[in-house]
Amino acid sequence: MKKIIYLIILMTLISFVACDVKPPLVTLEKYHKIATGMSYSQVVEIIGAPGTEMSRNEMPAIPGAMPGILTVMFMWQNSDGSNMNAMFQNNKLISKAQFGLR
């Protein structure tokens, strides 16, 4: 009888764990489709979800010498910890990096 109870508990726990597994938000295939010069909205369209803003820096314009520069970094993270970061300057992708994507 104890074995049956333990088996029921084990099956219940397995079903909870199985339901909590989410498909990856960002994949290596999506990562490779993203190219320098793309806008944030183009990147969001490829990934299918907005990123989390991780940092923002703004350098004001110097009239007649330099336009203003806005640099923003976004991250997309999967439930397994794999992720992608993307850095945009004035809404154009300037760099990207990934960790553990499949």
C-alpha atoms as a PDB file:
ATOM      1  CA  MET A   1       0.000   0.000   0.000  1.00  0.00           C
ATOM      2  CA  LYS A   2       2.834   2.422   0.845  1.00  0.00           C
ATOM      3  CA  LYS A   3       4.374   1.767  -2.560  1.00  0.00           C
ATOM      4  CA  ILE A   4       1.158   2.803  -4.282  1.00  0.00           C
ATOM      5  CA  ILE A   5       0.947   6.025  -2.256  1.00  0.00           C
ATOM      6  CA  TYR A   6       4.596   6.835  -3.028  1.00  0.00           C
ATOM      7  CA  LEU A   7       3.955   6.107  -6.702  1.00  0.00           C
ATOM      8  CA  ILE A   8       0.940   8.431  -6.753  1.00  0.00           C
ATOM      9  CA  ILE A   9       2.950  11.189  -5.051  1.00  0.00           C
ATOM     10  CA  LEU A  10       5.829  10.704  -7.478  1.00  0.00           C
ATOM     11  CA  MET A  11       3.517  10.819 -10.524  1.00  0.00           C
ATOM     12  CA  THR A  12       1.858  13.977  -9.183  1.00  0.00           C
ATOM     13  CA  LEU A  13       5.228  15.679  -8.706  1.00  0.00           C
ATOM     14  CA  ILE A  14       6.357  14.662 -12.183  1.00  0.00           C
ATOM     15  CA  SER A  15       3.167  16.094 -13.701  1.00  0.00           C
ATOM     16  CA  PHE A  16       3.743  19.423 -11.900  1.00  0.00           C
ATOM     17  CA  VAL A  17       7.319  19.606 -13.153  1.00  0.00           C
ATOM     18  CA  ALA A  18       6.281  18.672 -16.688  1.00  0.00           C
ATOM     19  CA  CYS A  19       3.629  21.409 -16.736  1.00  0.00           C
ATOM     20  CA  ASP A  20       6.144  24.015 -15.582  1.00  0.00           C
ATOM     21  CA  VAL A  21       8.528  23.444 -18.504  1.00  0.00           C
ATOM     22  CA  LYS A  22       8.109  26.240 -21.023  1.00  0.00           C
ATOM     23  CA  PRO A  23       9.279  26.272 -24.622  1.00  0.00           C
ATOM     24  CA  PRO A  24      12.245  28.584 -25.194  1.00  0.00           C
ATOM     25  CA  LEU A  25      11.460  32.218 -25.920  1.00  0.00           C
ATOM     26  CA  VAL A  26      14.654  32.779 -27.877  1.00  0.00           C
ATOM     27  CA  THR A  27      16.470  30.050 -29.815  1.00  0.00           C
ATOM     28  CA  LEU A  28      19.799  29.853 -31.601  1.00  0.00           C
ATOM     29  CA  GLU A  29      17.890  29.876 -34.907  1.00  0.00           C
ATOM     30  CA  LYS A  30      16.162  33.165 -34.004  1.00  0.00           C
ATOM     31  CA  TYR A  31      19.466  34.580 -32.722  1.00  0.00           C
ATOM     32  CA  HIS A  32      21.125  33.940 -36.087  1.00  0.00           C
ATOM     33  CA  LYS A  33      18.279  35.742 -37.936  1.00  0.00           C
ATOM     34  CA  ILE A  34      19.008  38.958 -36.019  1.00  0.00           C
ATOM     35  CA  ALA A  35      21.462  41.272 -37.777  1.00  0.00           C
ATOM     36  CA  THR A  36      23.355  44.456 -36.985  1.00  0.00           C
ATOM     37  CA  GLY A  37      21.387  47.538 -38.009  1.00  0.00           C
ATOM     38  CA  MET A  38      17.951  46.091 -37.228  1.00  0.00           C
ATOM     39  CA  SER A  39      15.567  48.148 -35.120  1.00  0.00           C
ATOM     40  CA  TYR A  40      14.305  46.975 -31.741  1.00  0.00           C
ATOM     41  CA  SER A  41      10.849  46.318 -33.224  1.00  0.00           C
ATOM     42  CA  GLN A  42      12.367  44.106 -35.942  1.00  0.00           C
ATOM     43  CA  VAL A  43      14.194  42.075 -33.285  1.00  0.00           C
ATOM     44  CA  VAL A  44      11.000  41.763 -31.214  1.00  0.00           C
ATOM     45  CA  GLU A  45       9.178  40.540 -34.325  1.00  0.00           C
ATOM     46  CA  ILE A  46      11.749  37.756 -34.829  1.00  0.00           C
ATOM     47  CA  ILE A  47      11.784  36.677 -31.177  1.00  0.00           C
ATOM     48  CA  GLY A  48       8.052  37.086 -30.683  1.00  0.00           C
ATOM     49  CA  ALA A  49       8.195  38.994 -27.386  1.00  0.00           C
ATOM     50  CA  PRO A  50       9.658  42.231 -26.023  1.00  0.00           C
ATOM     51  CA  GLY A  51      12.930  42.109 -24.122  1.00  0.00           C
ATOM     52  CA  THR A  52      13.642  43.259 -20.592  1.00  0.00           C
ATOM     53  CA  GLU A  53      15.518  46.564 -20.499  1.00  0.00           C
ATOM     54  CA  MET A  54      18.766  46.007 -18.604  1.00  0.00           C
ATOM     55  CA  SER A  55      20.498  49.375 -19.022  1.00  0.00           C
ATOM     56  CA  ARG A  56      20.050  52.766 -20.648  1.00  0.00           C
ATOM     57  CA  ASN A  57      22.490  55.603 -21.267  1.00  0.00           C
ATOM     58  CA  GLU A  58      21.832  58.886 -23.011  1.00  0.00           C
ATOM     59  CA  MET A  59      24.456  61.325 -24.239  1.00  0.00           C
ATOM     60  CA  PRO A  60      22.853  64.652 -25.092  1.00  0.00           C
ATOM     61  CA  ALA A  61      23.514  66.276 -28.429  1.00  0.00           C
ATOM     62  CA  ILE A  62      26.132  68.979 -28.849  1.00  0.00           C
ATOM     63  CA  PRO A  63      24.534  71.447 -31.267  1.00  0.00           C
ATOM     64  CA  GLY A  64      26.478  71.669 -34.503  1.00  0.00           C
ATOM     65  CA  ALA A  65      28.975  69.014 -33.401  1.00  0.00           C
ATOM     66  CA  MET A  66      27.315  65.739 -32.427  1.00  0.00           C
ATOM     67  CA  PRO A  67      23.797  64.281 -32.400  1.00  0.00           C
ATOM     68  CA  GLY A  68      22.396  62.777 -29.207  1.00  0.00           C
ATOM     69  CA  ILE A  69      23.091  59.103 -28.620  1.00  0.00           C
ATOM     70  CA  LEU A  70      20.713  56.765 -26.779  1.00  0.00           C
ATOM     71  CA  THR A  71      22.128  53.326 -25.943  1.00  0.00           C
ATOM     72  CA  VAL A  72      19.793  50.652 -24.563  1.00  0.00           C
ATOM     73  CA  MET A  73      20.507  46.994 -23.735  1.00  0.00           C
ATOM     74  CA  PHE A  74      17.726  44.395 -23.697  1.00  0.00           C
ATOM     75  CA  MET A  75      17.741  40.777 -22.552  1.00  0.00           C
ATOM     76  CA  TRP A  76      15.556  37.823 -23.479  1.00  0.00           C
ATOM     77  CA  GLN A  77      15.869  34.884 -21.074  1.00  0.00           C
ATOM     78  CA  ASN A  78      14.525  31.347 -21.307  1.00  0.00           C
ATOM     79  CA  SER A  79      13.290  29.360 -18.303  1.00  0.00           C
ATOM     80  CA  ASP A  80      16.478  27.240 -18.389  1.00  0.00           C
ATOM     81  CA  GLY A  81      18.691  30.344 -17.979  1.00  0.00           C
ATOM     82  CA  SER A  82      19.860  30.519 -21.590  1.00  0.00           C
ATOM     83  CA  ASN A  83      19.580  34.052 -22.916  1.00  0.00           C
ATOM     84  CA  MET A  84      20.315  36.688 -25.514  1.00  0.00           C
ATOM     85  CA  ASN A  85      21.392  40.302 -24.985  1.00  0.00           C
ATOM     86  CA  ALA A  86      21.091  42.998 -27.627  1.00  0.00           C
ATOM     87  CA  MET A  87      22.572  46.508 -27.556  1.00  0.00           C
ATOM     88  CA  PHE A  88      20.872  49.280 -29.548  1.00  0.00           C
ATOM     89  CA  GLN A  89      22.146  52.776 -30.314  1.00  0.00           C
ATOM     90  CA  ASN A  90      19.495  55.190 -31.535  1.00  0.00           C
ATOM     91  CA  ASN A  91      17.236  52.178 -32.155  1.00  0.00           C
ATOM     92  CA  LYS A  92      19.744  50.291 -34.337  1.00  0.00           C
ATOM     93  CA  LEU A  93      21.290  46.996 -33.222  1.00  0.00           C
ATOM     94  CA  ILE A  94      25.037  47.447 -32.692  1.00  0.00           C
ATOM     95  CA  SER A  95      25.871  44.159 -30.908  1.00  0.00           C
ATOM     96  CA  LYS A  96      24.348  40.947 -29.658  1.00  0.00           C
ATOM     97  CA  ALA A  97      25.478  38.068 -27.461  1.00  0.00           C
ATOM     98  CA  GLN A  98      23.988  34.755 -26.374  1.00  0.00           C
ATOM     99  CA  PHE A  99      24.544  32.189 -23.664  1.00  0.00           C
ATOM    100  CA  GLY A 100      23.432  28.574 -23.925  1.00  0.00           C
ATOM    101  CA  LEU A 101      20.902  28.919 -26.729  1.00  0.00           C
ATOM    102  CA  ARG A 102      19.948  25.772 -28.620  1.00  0.00           C
END
